[in-house]
C-alpha cells in the first residue's frame, strides 16, 4: 500500500524557509513514510493515534502529519527545522 502526501497551507509556507539540505532530507523521509506511515511516533500520549511525528536530517527536523487509512493519505501540517 502506498499513501499519497498533501501539505497543508502552513506546512507549504514552512517549506519555503528550509535550506536545500533540509528539504532533501525531508523528501527522503516523506518517501519512506508513504510506504510505512506508521513508522513514526505519536504526537503526544493520549492524542489521536493517526497524528504522528517523524524526525528527519539526523534529528534536526521534525515533520508532523495525520494518517488517513481510508483514503491512503498523509496530510503534513507542520515542519520544524532547528539546523
C-alpha atoms as a PDB file:
ATOM      1  CA  UNK A   1       0.000   0.000   0.000  1.00  0.00           C
ATOM      2  CA  UNK A   2       1.378   3.412  -0.971  1.00  0.00           C
ATOM      3  CA  UNK A   3      -0.081   6.570   0.523  1.00  0.00           C
ATOM      4  CA  UNK A   4      -0.408   9.956  -1.143  1.00  0.00           C
ATOM      5  CA  UNK A   5       1.017  13.062   0.535  1.00  0.00           C
ATOM      6  CA  UNK A   6      -0.517  16.518   0.831  1.00  0.00           C
ATOM      7  CA  UNK A   7       0.967  19.567   2.532  1.00  0.00           C
ATOM      8  CA  UNK A   8      -1.403  21.886   4.409  1.00  0.00           C
ATOM      9  CA  UNK A   9      -1.052  25.627   3.861  1.00  0.00           C
ATOM     10  CA  UNK A  10       1.110  26.242   6.942  1.00  0.00           C
ATOM     11  CA  UNK A  11       3.445  23.385   6.003  1.00  0.00           C
ATOM     12  CA  UNK A  12       3.768  24.760   2.468  1.00  0.00           C
ATOM     13  CA  UNK A  13       4.877  28.100   3.906  1.00  0.00           C
ATOM     14  CA  UNK A  14       7.377  26.308   6.158  1.00  0.00           C
ATOM     15  CA  UNK A  15       8.856  24.532   3.129  1.00  0.00           C
ATOM     16  CA  UNK A  16       9.898  27.892   1.700  1.00  0.00           C
ATOM     17  CA  UNK A  17      12.229  28.548   4.621  1.00  0.00           C
ATOM     18  CA  UNK A  18      14.061  25.225   4.553  1.00  0.00           C
ATOM     19  CA  UNK A  19      17.661  25.115   3.391  1.00  0.00           C
ATOM     20  CA  UNK A  20      18.214  22.735   0.471  1.00  0.00           C
ATOM     21  CA  UNK A  21      19.903  20.079   2.633  1.00  0.00           C
ATOM     22  CA  UNK A  22      16.885  20.039   4.973  1.00  0.00           C
ATOM     23  CA  UNK A  23      14.450  19.956   2.054  1.00  0.00           C
ATOM     24  CA  UNK A  24      16.262  16.957   0.539  1.00  0.00           C
ATOM     25  CA  UNK A  25      16.242  15.144   3.895  1.00  0.00           C
ATOM     26  CA  UNK A  26      12.531  15.875   4.329  1.00  0.00           C
ATOM     27  CA  UNK A  27      11.771  14.477   0.878  1.00  0.00           C
ATOM     28  CA  UNK A  28      13.693  11.283   1.713  1.00  0.00           C
ATOM     29  CA  UNK A  29      11.758  10.871   4.974  1.00  0.00           C
ATOM     30  CA  UNK A  30       8.392  11.506   3.312  1.00  0.00           C
ATOM     31  CA  UNK A  31       9.210   8.948   0.594  1.00  0.00           C
ATOM     32  CA  UNK A  32       9.806   6.396   3.356  1.00  0.00           C
ATOM     33  CA  UNK A  33       6.570   7.387   5.096  1.00  0.00           C
ATOM     34  CA  UNK A  34       4.410   6.770   2.016  1.00  0.00           C
ATOM     35  CA  UNK A  35       5.424   3.111   2.255  1.00  0.00           C
ATOM     36  CA  UNK A  36       5.203   2.871   6.062  1.00  0.00           C
ATOM     37  CA  UNK A  37       3.234   5.804   7.501  1.00  0.00           C
ATOM     38  CA  UNK A  38       3.033   4.196  10.927  1.00  0.00           C
ATOM     39  CA  UNK A  39       6.841   4.175  11.247  1.00  0.00           C
ATOM     40  CA  UNK A  40       6.647   7.351  13.342  1.00  0.00           C
ATOM     41  CA  UNK A  41       5.854   8.499  16.872  1.00  0.00           C
ATOM     42  CA  UNK A  42       2.502   9.647  18.239  1.00  0.00           C
ATOM     43  CA  UNK A  43       2.306  13.427  18.585  1.00  0.00           C
ATOM     44  CA  UNK A  44       1.510  13.161  22.316  1.00  0.00           C
ATOM     45  CA  UNK A  45       0.283  10.394  24.609  1.00  0.00           C
ATOM     46  CA  UNK A  46      -3.496  10.099  24.577  1.00  0.00           C
ATOM     47  CA  UNK A  47      -3.979  12.081  21.380  1.00  0.00           C
ATOM     48  CA  UNK A  48      -5.349  10.767  18.102  1.00  0.00           C
ATOM     49  CA  UNK A  49      -3.182   7.776  17.033  1.00  0.00           C
ATOM     50  CA  UNK A  50      -3.459   8.968  13.432  1.00  0.00           C
ATOM     51  CA  UNK A  51      -1.480  12.121  14.312  1.00  0.00           C
ATOM     52  CA  UNK A  52       2.210  11.326  14.088  1.00  0.00           C
ATOM     53  CA  UNK A  53       5.642  12.930  14.089  1.00  0.00           C
ATOM     54  CA  UNK A  54       8.870  11.798  12.481  1.00  0.00           C
ATOM     55  CA  UNK A  55      12.358  13.214  12.565  1.00  0.00           C
ATOM     56  CA  UNK A  56      14.491  13.874   9.511  1.00  0.00           C
ATOM     57  CA  UNK A  57      18.024  15.094   8.807  1.00  0.00           C
ATOM     58  CA  UNK A  58      19.632  13.317  11.782  1.00  0.00           C
ATOM     59  CA  UNK A  59      17.074  14.739  14.205  1.00  0.00           C
ATOM     60  CA  UNK A  60      17.417  18.391  13.159  1.00  0.00           C
ATOM     61  CA  UNK A  61      13.959  18.349  11.595  1.00  0.00           C
ATOM     62  CA  UNK A  62      10.520  17.249  12.728  1.00  0.00           C
ATOM     63  CA  UNK A  63       7.545  16.641  10.448  1.00  0.00           C
ATOM     64  CA  UNK A  64       4.037  16.338  11.919  1.00  0.00           C
ATOM     65  CA  UNK A  65       1.273  14.669   9.950  1.00  0.00           C
ATOM     66  CA  UNK A  66      -2.111  12.954  10.020  1.00  0.00           C
ATOM     67  CA  UNK A  67      -2.569   9.486   8.516  1.00  0.00           C
ATOM     68  CA  UNK A  68      -5.929   8.617   6.948  1.00  0.00           C
ATOM     69  CA  UNK A  69      -6.012   4.899   6.176  1.00  0.00           C
ATOM     70  CA  UNK A  70      -9.419   5.063   4.485  1.00  0.00           C
ATOM     71  CA  UNK A  71      -8.176   7.431   1.786  1.00  0.00           C
ATOM     72  CA  UNK A  72      -4.500   6.365   1.994  1.00  0.00           C
ATOM     73  CA  UNK A  73      -3.493   9.964   2.595  1.00  0.00           C
ATOM     74  CA  UNK A  74      -0.722  11.522   4.677  1.00  0.00           C
ATOM     75  CA  UNK A  75      -1.524  15.171   5.408  1.00  0.00           C
ATOM     76  CA  UNK A  76       1.547  17.081   6.573  1.00  0.00           C
ATOM     77  CA  UNK A  77       0.570  20.017   8.763  1.00  0.00           C
ATOM     78  CA  UNK A  78       3.816  21.149  10.422  1.00  0.00           C
ATOM     79  CA  UNK A  79       7.542  21.166   9.660  1.00  0.00           C
ATOM     80  CA  UNK A  80      10.123  22.267  12.208  1.00  0.00           C
ATOM     81  CA  UNK A  81      13.823  22.783  11.469  1.00  0.00           C
ATOM     82  CA  UNK A  82      16.461  23.624  14.079  1.00  0.00           C
ATOM     83  CA  UNK A  83      19.576  23.168  11.947  1.00  0.00           C
END
